[in-house]
Protein backbone atom coordinates (compact mmCIF):
# COMPACT_ATOMS: atom_id res chain seq x y z
CA MET A 1 -33.72 21.75 -34.80
CA ASP A 2 -30.10 21.21 -34.08
CA GLN A 3 -29.35 19.04 -31.10
CA PRO A 4 -26.22 19.97 -29.13
CA ARG A 5 -23.43 17.48 -29.74
CA SER A 6 -21.91 15.71 -26.82
CA LYS A 7 -18.42 16.84 -25.88
CA LEU A 8 -17.52 13.21 -25.31
CA SER A 9 -16.64 11.86 -28.72
CA ARG A 10 -15.72 8.35 -29.71
CA ARG A 11 -12.14 9.51 -30.29
CA HIS A 12 -11.83 10.73 -26.69
CA VAL A 13 -13.25 7.49 -25.31
CA PHE A 14 -10.75 5.35 -27.23
CA ALA A 15 -7.88 7.65 -26.31
CA GLY A 16 -8.81 7.38 -22.63
CA ALA A 17 -9.11 3.60 -22.83
CA GLY A 18 -5.71 3.38 -24.52
CA THR A 19 -4.14 5.57 -21.87
CA ALA A 20 -5.65 3.50 -19.07
CA GLY A 21 -4.39 0.30 -20.70
CA ALA A 22 -0.89 1.72 -21.10
CA LEU A 23 -0.81 2.80 -17.44
CA ALA A 24 -1.98 -0.65 -16.33
CA ALA A 25 0.77 -2.28 -18.39
CA VAL A 26 3.42 -0.01 -16.88
CA ALA A 27 2.14 -0.67 -13.35
CA ALA A 28 2.32 -4.42 -13.95
CA VAL A 29 5.97 -4.21 -15.07
CA LEU A 30 7.27 -1.95 -12.28
CA PRO A 31 9.24 -3.71 -9.54
CA ARG A 32 7.58 -4.07 -6.17
CA PRO A 33 9.32 -2.68 -3.06
CA ALA A 34 11.36 -5.23 -1.16
CA GLU A 35 10.00 -6.51 2.12
CA SER A 36 11.77 -5.45 5.27
CA PRO A 37 14.01 -8.06 6.94
CA GLN A 38 11.87 -7.90 10.09
CA ALA A 39 8.81 -9.05 8.20
CA LYS A 40 10.63 -12.14 6.92
CA SER A 41 12.09 -13.21 10.25
CA GLU A 42 10.19 -15.91 12.07
CA PRO A 43 8.62 -15.04 15.43
CA GLN A 44 10.48 -16.13 18.54
CA PRO A 45 8.90 -18.96 20.53
CA ALA A 46 7.09 -17.99 23.71
CA PRO A 47 8.99 -18.61 26.95
CA GLU A 48 7.94 -21.68 28.91
CA ARG A 49 7.54 -19.94 32.30
CA GLY A 50 6.19 -16.58 31.25
CA GLY A 51 8.43 -13.54 30.99
CA GLY A 52 7.44 -12.87 27.38
CA TYR A 53 7.18 -9.11 27.92
CA GLN A 54 9.92 -7.09 26.25
CA ALA A 55 10.39 -3.35 26.58
CA THR A 56 10.93 -2.60 22.90
CA GLN A 57 11.35 0.86 21.39
CA HIS A 58 7.69 0.77 20.36
CA VAL A 59 6.53 0.07 23.93
CA LEU A 60 8.80 2.75 25.41
CA HIS A 61 7.49 5.27 22.87
CA TYR A 62 3.93 4.38 23.82
CA TYR A 63 4.70 4.94 27.51
CA GLN A 64 6.17 8.37 26.73
CA THR A 65 3.11 9.43 24.76
CA ALA A 66 0.62 8.00 27.29
CA ARG A 67 1.88 10.04 30.22
CA VAL A 68 -0.72 12.35 31.69
């Protein structure tokens, strides 16, 4: 009796492993995106007598979307 041969041959396995290794090497060499300047800036100290709330663009946008 002839047993059906697997479609996954040793050649395909090694070719896939080589391709995965090459892609990993390329990903390791690619430059990473630069961080935004806002992420690097240090946070401002909190005010001594309160008043830390600031109406930033993010807050104003939230208020516009939260209107009923």
